[in-house]
């Protein structure tokens, strides 16, 4: 936890590809708490931000995690362009 909390920039790729369970949600909440206001985190995902809360389980942990993510955030929407399709990799 110290290691991931200490990075100046942490990139989380395939964010919410799988729905996180209890222990992972608690770890994620602690990680977001450590990083909040101190460092940057980039979330790369195919899901729209409006779906994140539900994919996090819609409970108290989801509320707390989303609270730490959405404040002081800059959002970049890349649209529907898929590089894999352009390169015939899909």
PDB file of N, CA and C in Angstrom:
ATOM      1  N   UNK A   1       0.823  -1.182   0.000  1.00  0.00           N
ATOM      2  CA  UNK A   1       0.000   0.000   0.000  1.00  0.00           C
ATOM      3  C   UNK A   1       0.868   1.246   0.000  1.00  0.00           C
ATOM      4  N   UNK A   2       1.940   1.231   0.777  1.00  0.00           N
ATOM      5  CA  UNK A   2       2.847   2.380   0.822  1.00  0.00           C
ATOM      6  C   UNK A   2       3.436   2.654  -0.561  1.00  0.00           C
ATOM      7  N   UNK A   3       3.800   1.591  -1.255  1.00  0.00           N
ATOM      8  CA  UNK A   3       4.414   1.721  -2.573  1.00  0.00           C
ATOM      9  C   UNK A   3       3.477   2.435  -3.550  1.00  0.00           C
ATOM     10  N   UNK A   4       2.236   1.978  -3.671  1.00  0.00           N
ATOM     11  CA  UNK A   4       1.294   2.574  -4.616  1.00  0.00           C
ATOM     12  C   UNK A   4       0.821   3.954  -4.158  1.00  0.00           C
ATOM     13  N   UNK A   5       0.787   4.163  -2.880  1.00  0.00           N
ATOM     14  CA  UNK A   5       0.397   5.459  -2.352  1.00  0.00           C
ATOM     15  C   UNK A   5       1.463   6.522  -2.555  1.00  0.00           C
ATOM     16  N   UNK A   6       2.719   6.097  -2.732  1.00  0.00           N
ATOM     17  CA  UNK A   6       3.837   7.043  -2.823  1.00  0.00           C
ATOM     18  C   UNK A   6       4.153   7.511  -4.243  1.00  0.00           C
ATOM     19  N   UNK A   7       3.683   6.802  -5.257  1.00  0.00           N
ATOM     20  CA  UNK A   7       3.974   7.228  -6.629  1.00  0.00           C
ATOM     21  C   UNK A   7       3.406   8.618  -6.884  1.00  0.00           C
ATOM     22  N   UNK A   8       4.176   9.453  -7.583  1.00  0.00           N
ATOM     23  CA  UNK A   8       3.700  10.780  -7.962  1.00  0.00           C
ATOM     24  C   UNK A   8       2.535  10.658  -8.935  1.00  0.00           C
ATOM     25  N   UNK A   9       2.635   9.711  -9.855  1.00  0.00           N
ATOM     26  CA  UNK A   9       1.572   9.441 -10.823  1.00  0.00           C
ATOM     27  C   UNK A   9       1.320   7.940 -10.873  1.00  0.00           C
ATOM     28  N   UNK A  10       0.087   7.552 -10.637  1.00  0.00           N
ATOM     29  CA  UNK A  10      -0.309   6.151 -10.712  1.00  0.00           C
ATOM     30  C   UNK A  10      -1.327   6.020 -11.836  1.00  0.00           C
ATOM     31  N   UNK A  11      -1.057   5.139 -12.794  1.00  0.00           N
ATOM     32  CA  UNK A  11      -1.971   4.898 -13.911  1.00  0.00           C
ATOM     33  C   UNK A  11      -2.646   3.553 -13.691  1.00  0.00           C
ATOM     34  N   UNK A  12      -3.966   3.574 -13.636  1.00  0.00           N
ATOM     35  CA  UNK A  12      -4.739   2.346 -13.474  1.00  0.00           C
ATOM     36  C   UNK A  12      -5.425   2.076 -14.803  1.00  0.00           C
ATOM     37  N   UNK A  13      -4.938   1.079 -15.506  1.00  0.00           N
ATOM     38  CA  UNK A  13      -5.476   0.726 -16.820  1.00  0.00           C
ATOM     39  C   UNK A  13      -6.562  -0.331 -16.646  1.00  0.00           C
ATOM     40  N   UNK A  14      -7.508  -0.346 -17.574  1.00  0.00           N
ATOM     41  CA  UNK A  14      -8.642  -1.282 -17.537  1.00  0.00           C
ATOM     42  C   UNK A  14      -9.434  -1.131 -16.242  1.00  0.00           C
ATOM     43  N   UNK A  15      -9.592   0.109 -15.780  1.00  0.00           N
ATOM     44  CA  UNK A  15     -10.332   0.438 -14.563  1.00  0.00           C
ATOM     45  C   UNK A  15     -11.746  -0.131 -14.634  1.00  0.00           C
ATOM     46  N   UNK A  16     -12.100  -0.917 -13.650  1.00  0.00           N
ATOM     47  CA  UNK A  16     -13.422  -1.517 -13.478  1.00  0.00           C
ATOM     48  C   UNK A  16     -13.785  -2.530 -14.562  1.00  0.00           C
ATOM     49  N   UNK A  17     -12.786  -3.101 -15.203  1.00  0.00           N
ATOM     50  CA  UNK A  17     -13.046  -4.162 -16.173  1.00  0.00           C
ATOM     51  C   UNK A  17     -13.793  -5.304 -15.480  1.00  0.00           C
ATOM     52  N   UNK A  18     -13.314  -5.677 -14.292  1.00  0.00           N
ATOM     53  CA  UNK A  18     -14.005  -6.653 -13.445  1.00  0.00           C
ATOM     54  C   UNK A  18     -14.566  -5.903 -12.243  1.00  0.00           C
ATOM     55  N   UNK A  19     -15.702  -6.352 -11.749  1.00  0.00           N
ATOM     56  CA  UNK A  19     -16.298  -5.707 -10.581  1.00  0.00           C
ATOM     57  C   UNK A  19     -15.510  -6.105  -9.332  1.00  0.00           C
ATOM     58  N   UNK A  20     -15.018  -5.111  -8.593  1.00  0.00           N
ATOM     59  CA  UNK A  20     -14.212  -5.413  -7.406  1.00  0.00           C
ATOM     60  C   UNK A  20     -15.057  -5.939  -6.256  1.00  0.00           C
ATOM     61  N   UNK A  21     -14.467  -6.831  -5.456  1.00  0.00           N
ATOM     62  CA  UNK A  21     -15.145  -7.395  -4.297  1.00  0.00           C
ATOM     63  C   UNK A  21     -14.768  -6.685  -3.013  1.00  0.00           C
ATOM     64  N   UNK A  22     -15.224  -7.205  -1.896  1.00  0.00           N
ATOM     65  CA  UNK A  22     -15.082  -6.588  -0.586  1.00  0.00           C
ATOM     66  C   UNK A  22     -13.683  -6.185  -0.177  1.00  0.00           C
ATOM     67  N   UNK A  23     -12.747  -7.143  -0.143  1.00  0.00           N
ATOM     68  CA  UNK A  23     -11.382  -6.827   0.283  1.00  0.00           C
ATOM     69  C   UNK A  23     -10.726  -5.840  -0.671  1.00  0.00           C
ATOM     70  N   UNK A  24     -10.962  -6.020  -1.960  1.00  0.00           N
ATOM     71  CA  UNK A  24     -10.373  -5.113  -2.942  1.00  0.00           C
ATOM     72  C   UNK A  24     -10.956  -3.711  -2.793  1.00  0.00           C
ATOM     73  N   UNK A  25     -12.252  -3.608  -2.531  1.00  0.00           N
ATOM     74  CA  UNK A  25     -12.874  -2.295  -2.337  1.00  0.00           C
ATOM     75  C   UNK A  25     -12.277  -1.580  -1.131  1.00  0.00           C
ATOM     76  N   UNK A  26     -12.049  -2.300  -0.045  1.00  0.00           N
ATOM     77  CA  UNK A  26     -11.439  -1.696   1.142  1.00  0.00           C
ATOM     78  C   UNK A  26     -10.014  -1.232   0.845  1.00  0.00           C
ATOM     79  N   UNK A  27      -9.254  -2.046   0.099  1.00  0.00           N
ATOM     80  CA  UNK A  27      -7.896  -1.659  -0.270  1.00  0.00           C
ATOM     81  C   UNK A  27      -7.917  -0.440  -1.188  1.00  0.00           C
ATOM     82  N   UNK A  28      -8.842  -0.429  -2.144  1.00  0.00           N
ATOM     83  CA  UNK A  28      -8.967   0.683  -3.076  1.00  0.00           C
ATOM     84  C   UNK A  28      -9.332   1.974  -2.347  1.00  0.00           C
ATOM     85  N   UNK A  29     -10.232   1.885  -1.385  1.00  0.00           N
ATOM     86  CA  UNK A  29     -10.603   3.056  -0.600  1.00  0.00           C
ATOM     87  C   UNK A  29      -9.394   3.599   0.160  1.00  0.00           C
ATOM     88  N   UNK A  30      -8.648   2.717   0.784  1.00  0.00           N
ATOM     89  CA  UNK A  30      -7.454   3.155   1.514  1.00  0.00           C
ATOM     90  C   UNK A  30      -6.437   3.797   0.569  1.00  0.00           C
ATOM     91  N   UNK A  31      -6.243   3.195  -0.601  1.00  0.00           N
ATOM     92  CA  UNK A  31      -5.306   3.745  -1.585  1.00  0.00           C
ATOM     93  C   UNK A  31      -5.742   5.127  -2.047  1.00  0.00           C
ATOM     94  N   UNK A  32      -7.029   5.288  -2.379  1.00  0.00           N
ATOM     95  CA  UNK A  32      -7.531   6.591  -2.826  1.00  0.00           C
ATOM     96  C   UNK A  32      -7.422   7.627  -1.711  1.00  0.00           C
ATOM     97  N   UNK A  33      -7.617   7.210  -0.471  1.00  0.00           N
ATOM     98  CA  UNK A  33      -7.482   8.113   0.672  1.00  0.00           C
ATOM     99  C   UNK A  33      -6.029   8.585   0.811  1.00  0.00           C
ATOM    100  N   UNK A  34      -5.080   7.680   0.666  1.00  0.00           N
ATOM    101  CA  UNK A  34      -3.662   8.046   0.770  1.00  0.00           C
ATOM    102  C   UNK A  34      -3.244   9.007  -0.341  1.00  0.00           C
ATOM    103  N   UNK A  35      -3.789   8.808  -1.526  1.00  0.00           N
ATOM    104  CA  UNK A  35      -3.375   9.600  -2.686  1.00  0.00           C
ATOM    105  C   UNK A  35      -4.127  10.922  -2.804  1.00  0.00           C
ATOM    106  N   UNK A  36      -5.273  11.036  -2.144  1.00  0.00           N
ATOM    107  CA  UNK A  36      -6.145  12.197  -2.282  1.00  0.00           C
ATOM    108  C   UNK A  36      -5.413  13.487  -1.915  1.00  0.00           C
ATOM    109  N   UNK A  37      -5.362  14.403  -2.857  1.00  0.00           N
ATOM    110  CA  UNK A  37      -4.752  15.711  -2.628  1.00  0.00           C
ATOM    111  C   UNK A  37      -3.233  15.712  -2.582  1.00  0.00           C
ATOM    112  N   UNK A  38      -2.603  14.534  -2.716  1.00  0.00           N
ATOM    113  CA  UNK A  38      -1.147  14.454  -2.593  1.00  0.00           C
ATOM    114  C   UNK A  38      -0.457  14.046  -3.885  1.00  0.00           C
ATOM    115  N   UNK A  39      -1.168  13.332  -4.753  1.00  0.00           N
ATOM    116  CA  UNK A  39      -0.557  12.827  -5.981  1.00  0.00           C
ATOM    117  C   UNK A  39      -1.648  12.624  -7.026  1.00  0.00           C
ATOM    118  N   UNK A  40      -1.229  12.251  -8.228  1.00  0.00           N
ATOM    119  CA  UNK A  40      -2.166  12.114  -9.343  1.00  0.00           C
ATOM    120  C   UNK A  40      -2.418  10.653  -9.683  1.00  0.00           C
ATOM    121  N   UNK A  41      -3.660  10.376 -10.071  1.00  0.00           N
ATOM    122  CA  UNK A  41      -4.043   9.040 -10.502  1.00  0.00           C
ATOM    123  C   UNK A  41      -4.796   9.169 -11.816  1.00  0.00           C
ATOM    124  N   UNK A  42      -4.414   8.353 -12.805  1.00  0.00           N
ATOM    125  CA  UNK A  42      -5.083   8.326 -14.098  1.00  0.00           C
ATOM    126  C   UNK A  42      -5.839   7.010 -14.192  1.00  0.00           C
ATOM    127  N   UNK A  43      -7.132   7.106 -14.490  1.00  0.00           N
ATOM    128  CA  UNK A  43      -7.969   5.924 -14.655  1.00  0.00           C
ATOM    129  C   UNK A  43      -8.263   5.765 -16.142  1.00  0.00           C
ATOM    130  N   UNK A  44      -7.852   4.660 -16.728  1.00  0.00           N
ATOM    131  CA  UNK A  44      -8.124   4.357 -18.133  1.00  0.00           C
ATOM    132  C   UNK A  44      -9.198   3.277 -18.157  1.00  0.00           C
ATOM    133  N   UNK A  45     -10.313   3.574 -18.819  1.00  0.00           N
ATOM    134  CA  UNK A  45     -11.429   2.638 -18.786  1.00  0.00           C
ATOM    135  C   UNK A  45     -12.294   2.773 -20.021  1.00  0.00           C
ATOM    136  N   UNK A  46     -13.052   1.752 -20.283  1.00  0.00           N
ATOM    137  CA  UNK A  46     -14.014   1.797 -21.379  1.00  0.00           C
ATOM    138  C   UNK A  46     -15.404   2.174 -20.880  1.00  0.00           C
ATOM    139  N   UNK A  47     -15.555   2.349 -19.561  1.00  0.00           N
ATOM    140  CA  UNK A  47     -16.853   2.670 -18.973  1.00  0.00           C
ATOM    141  C   UNK A  47     -16.997   4.165 -18.748  1.00  0.00           C
ATOM    142  N   UNK A  48     -18.199   4.664 -18.947  1.00  0.00           N
ATOM    143  CA  UNK A  48     -18.474   6.074 -18.691  1.00  0.00           C
ATOM    144  C   UNK A  48     -18.485   6.316 -17.190  1.00  0.00           C
ATOM    145  N   UNK A  49     -18.096   7.522 -16.793  1.00  0.00           N
ATOM    146  CA  UNK A  49     -18.014   7.820 -15.360  1.00  0.00           C
ATOM    147  C   UNK A  49     -19.355   7.666 -14.652  1.00  0.00           C
ATOM    148  N   UNK A  50     -20.460   7.840 -15.366  1.00  0.00           N
ATOM    149  CA  UNK A  50     -21.782   7.684 -14.742  1.00  0.00           C
ATOM    150  C   UNK A  50     -22.027   6.234 -14.309  1.00  0.00           C
ATOM    151  N   UNK A  51     -21.283   5.281 -14.849  1.00  0.00           N
ATOM    152  CA  UNK A  51     -21.448   3.864 -14.524  1.00  0.00           C
ATOM    153  C   UNK A  51     -20.491   3.371 -13.433  1.00  0.00           C
ATOM    154  N   UNK A  52     -19.530   4.179 -13.047  1.00  0.00           N
ATOM    155  CA  UNK A  52     -18.505   3.742 -12.102  1.00  0.00           C
ATOM    156  C   UNK A  52     -19.096   3.350 -10.749  1.00  0.00           C
ATOM    157  N   UNK A  53     -19.972   4.157 -10.221  1.00  0.00           N
ATOM    158  CA  UNK A  53     -20.529   3.889  -8.893  1.00  0.00           C
ATOM    159  C   UNK A  53     -21.213   2.525  -8.856  1.00  0.00           C
ATOM    160  N   UNK A  54     -21.995   2.245  -9.870  1.00  0.00           N
ATOM    161  CA  UNK A  54     -22.689   0.962  -9.937  1.00  0.00           C
ATOM    162  C   UNK A  54     -21.692  -0.185 -10.085  1.00  0.00           C
ATOM    163  N   UNK A  55     -20.652  -0.003 -10.898  1.00  0.00           N
ATOM    164  CA  UNK A  55     -19.657  -1.060 -11.084  1.00  0.00           C
ATOM    165  C   UNK A  55     -18.827  -1.287  -9.821  1.00  0.00           C
ATOM    166  N   UNK A  56     -18.776  -0.266  -8.958  1.00  0.00           N
ATOM    167  CA  UNK A  56     -18.083  -0.411  -7.675  1.00  0.00           C
ATOM    168  C   UNK A  56     -18.973  -1.049  -6.608  1.00  0.00           C
ATOM    169  N   UNK A  57     -20.202  -1.393  -6.963  1.00  0.00           N
ATOM    170  CA  UNK A  57     -21.093  -2.088  -6.046  1.00  0.00           C
ATOM    171  C   UNK A  57     -22.186  -1.232  -5.450  1.00  0.00           C
ATOM    172  N   UNK A  58     -22.192   0.050  -5.724  1.00  0.00           N
ATOM    173  CA  UNK A  58     -23.242   0.986  -5.305  1.00  0.00           C
ATOM    174  C   UNK A  58     -23.431   1.093  -3.797  1.00  0.00           C
ATOM    175  N   UNK A  59     -22.497   0.619  -3.013  1.00  0.00           N
ATOM    176  CA  UNK A  59     -22.631   0.675  -1.555  1.00  0.00           C
ATOM    177  C   UNK A  59     -21.846   1.824  -0.945  1.00  0.00           C
ATOM    178  N   UNK A  60     -21.634   1.704   0.361  1.00  0.00           N
ATOM    179  CA  UNK A  60     -20.928   2.733   1.114  1.00  0.00           C
ATOM    180  C   UNK A  60     -19.492   2.894   0.625  1.00  0.00           C
ATOM    181  N   UNK A  61     -18.824   1.772   0.323  1.00  0.00           N
ATOM    182  CA  UNK A  61     -17.457   1.859  -0.185  1.00  0.00           C
ATOM    183  C   UNK A  61     -17.432   2.564  -1.548  1.00  0.00           C
ATOM    184  N   UNK A  62     -18.403   2.267  -2.384  1.00  0.00           N
ATOM    185  CA  UNK A  62     -18.486   2.932  -3.693  1.00  0.00           C
ATOM    186  C   UNK A  62     -18.664   4.435  -3.509  1.00  0.00           C
ATOM    187  N   UNK A  63     -19.514   4.829  -2.557  1.00  0.00           N
ATOM    188  CA  UNK A  63     -19.707   6.257  -2.266  1.00  0.00           C
ATOM    189  C   UNK A  63     -18.392   6.911  -1.867  1.00  0.00           C
ATOM    190  N   UNK A  64     -17.684   6.285  -0.948  1.00  0.00           N
ATOM    191  CA  UNK A  64     -16.442   6.864  -0.433  1.00  0.00           C
ATOM    192  C   UNK A  64     -15.351   6.919  -1.503  1.00  0.00           C
ATOM    193  N   UNK A  65     -15.231   5.860  -2.300  1.00  0.00           N
ATOM    194  CA  UNK A  65     -14.221   5.834  -3.362  1.00  0.00           C
ATOM    195  C   UNK A  65     -14.525   6.906  -4.399  1.00  0.00           C
ATOM    196  N   UNK A  66     -15.773   6.969  -4.830  1.00  0.00           N
ATOM    197  CA  UNK A  66     -16.154   7.973  -5.828  1.00  0.00           C
ATOM    198  C   UNK A  66     -15.965   9.388  -5.292  1.00  0.00           C
ATOM    199  N   UNK A  67     -16.238   9.597  -4.032  1.00  0.00           N
ATOM    200  CA  UNK A  67     -16.041  10.910  -3.424  1.00  0.00           C
ATOM    201  C   UNK A  67     -14.589  11.353  -3.548  1.00  0.00           C
ATOM    202  N   UNK A  68     -13.663  10.443  -3.358  1.00  0.00           N
ATOM    203  CA  UNK A  68     -12.250  10.777  -3.449  1.00  0.00           C
ATOM    204  C   UNK A  68     -11.770  10.911  -4.893  1.00  0.00           C
ATOM    205  N   UNK A  69     -12.457  10.253  -5.816  1.00  0.00           N
ATOM    206  CA  UNK A  69     -12.060  10.344  -7.222  1.00  0.00           C
ATOM    207  C   UNK A  69     -12.600  11.603  -7.877  1.00  0.00           C
ATOM    208  N   UNK A  70     -13.854  11.952  -7.650  1.00  0.00           N
ATOM    209  CA  UNK A  70     -14.479  13.014  -8.444  1.00  0.00           C
ATOM    210  C   UNK A  70     -14.076  14.428  -8.048  1.00  0.00           C
ATOM    211  N   UNK A  71     -13.633  14.629  -6.821  1.00  0.00           N
ATOM    212  CA  UNK A  71     -13.223  15.972  -6.412  1.00  0.00           C
ATOM    213  C   UNK A  71     -11.804  16.254  -6.902  1.00  0.00           C
ATOM    214  N   UNK A  72     -11.557  17.464  -7.362  1.00  0.00           N
ATOM    215  CA  UNK A  72     -10.248  17.876  -7.888  1.00  0.00           C
ATOM    216  C   UNK A  72      -9.844  17.025  -9.093  1.00  0.00           C
ATOM    217  N   UNK A  73     -10.793  16.735  -9.964  1.00  0.00           N
ATOM    218  CA  UNK A  73     -10.556  15.855 -11.104  1.00  0.00           C
ATOM    219  C   UNK A  73     -10.687  16.602 -12.421  1.00  0.00           C
ATOM    220  N   UNK A  74      -9.846  16.229 -13.349  1.00  0.00           N
ATOM    221  CA  UNK A  74      -9.971  16.681 -14.724  1.00  0.00           C
ATOM    222  C   UNK A  74     -10.333  15.457 -15.551  1.00  0.00           C
ATOM    223  N   UNK A  75     -11.442  15.549 -16.312  1.00  0.00           N
ATOM    224  CA  UNK A  75     -11.925  14.426 -17.105  1.00  0.00           C
ATOM    225  C   UNK A  75     -11.548  14.634 -18.565  1.00  0.00           C
ATOM    226  N   UNK A  76     -11.058  13.593 -19.203  1.00  0.00           N
ATOM    227  CA  UNK A  76     -10.770  13.614 -20.634  1.00  0.00           C
ATOM    228  C   UNK A  76     -11.554  12.491 -21.294  1.00  0.00           C
ATOM    229  N   UNK A  77     -12.514  12.852 -22.088  1.00  0.00           N
ATOM    230  CA  UNK A  77     -13.306  11.868 -22.827  1.00  0.00           C
ATOM    231  C   UNK A  77     -12.647  11.697 -24.192  1.00  0.00           C
ATOM    232  N   UNK A  78     -12.336  10.476 -24.544  1.00  0.00           N
ATOM    233  CA  UNK A  78     -11.674  10.226 -25.825  1.00  0.00           C
ATOM    234  C   UNK A  78     -12.631   9.780 -26.912  1.00  0.00           C
ATOM    235  N   UNK A  79     -13.904   9.681 -26.577  1.00  0.00           N
ATOM    236  CA  UNK A  79     -14.892   9.303 -27.578  1.00  0.00           C
ATOM    237  C   UNK A  79     -14.925   7.809 -27.811  1.00  0.00           C
ATOM    238  N   UNK A  80     -15.350   7.435 -28.996  1.00  0.00           N
ATOM    239  CA  UNK A  80     -15.531   6.018 -29.304  1.00  0.00           C
ATOM    240  C   UNK A  80     -14.448   5.469 -30.228  1.00  0.00           C
ATOM    241  N   UNK A  81     -13.430   6.254 -30.509  1.00  0.00           N
ATOM    242  CA  UNK A  81     -12.349   5.803 -31.389  1.00  0.00           C
ATOM    243  C   UNK A  81     -11.629   4.620 -30.761  1.00  0.00           C
ATOM    244  N   UNK A  82     -11.462   3.548 -31.519  1.00  0.00           N
ATOM    245  CA  UNK A  82     -10.815   2.347 -31.026  1.00  0.00           C
ATOM    246  C   UNK A  82      -9.612   2.038 -31.915  1.00  0.00           C
ATOM    247  N   UNK A  83      -8.422   2.221 -31.375  1.00  0.00           N
ATOM    248  CA  UNK A  83      -7.195   2.001 -32.129  1.00  0.00           C
ATOM    249  C   UNK A  83      -7.070   0.550 -32.610  1.00  0.00           C
ATOM    250  N   UNK A  84      -7.561  -0.401 -31.801  1.00  0.00           N
ATOM    251  CA  UNK A  84      -7.488  -1.810 -32.197  1.00  0.00           C
ATOM    252  C   UNK A  84      -8.273  -2.063 -33.477  1.00  0.00           C
ATOM    253  N   UNK A  85      -9.437  -1.413 -33.604  1.00  0.00           N
ATOM    254  CA  UNK A  85     -10.220  -1.576 -34.810  1.00  0.00           C
ATOM    255  C   UNK A  85      -9.505  -0.978 -36.022  1.00  0.00           C
ATOM    256  N   UNK A  86      -8.834   0.146 -35.819  1.00  0.00           N
ATOM    257  CA  UNK A  86      -8.116   0.799 -36.915  1.00  0.00           C
ATOM    258  C   UNK A  86      -6.942  -0.038 -37.395  1.00  0.00           C
ATOM    259  N   UNK A  87      -6.359  -0.809 -36.501  1.00  0.00           N
ATOM    260  CA  UNK A  87      -5.205  -1.649 -36.848  1.00  0.00           C
ATOM    261  C   UNK A  87      -5.612  -3.097 -37.104  1.00  0.00           C
ATOM    262  N   UNK A  88      -6.910  -3.358 -37.151  1.00  0.00           N
ATOM    263  CA  UNK A  88      -7.455  -4.702 -37.387  1.00  0.00           C
ATOM    264  C   UNK A  88      -6.980  -5.697 -36.327  1.00  0.00           C
ATOM    265  N   UNK A  89      -6.896  -5.237 -35.071  1.00  0.00           N
ATOM    266  CA  UNK A  89      -6.487  -6.101 -33.969  1.00  0.00           C
ATOM    267  C   UNK A  89      -7.682  -6.590 -33.149  1.00  0.00           C
ATOM    268  N   UNK A  90      -8.839  -6.026 -33.387  1.00  0.00           N
ATOM    269  CA  UNK A  90     -10.022  -6.373 -32.586  1.00  0.00           C
ATOM    270  C   UNK A  90     -10.598  -7.707 -33.007  1.00  0.00           C
TER     271      UNK A  90
END
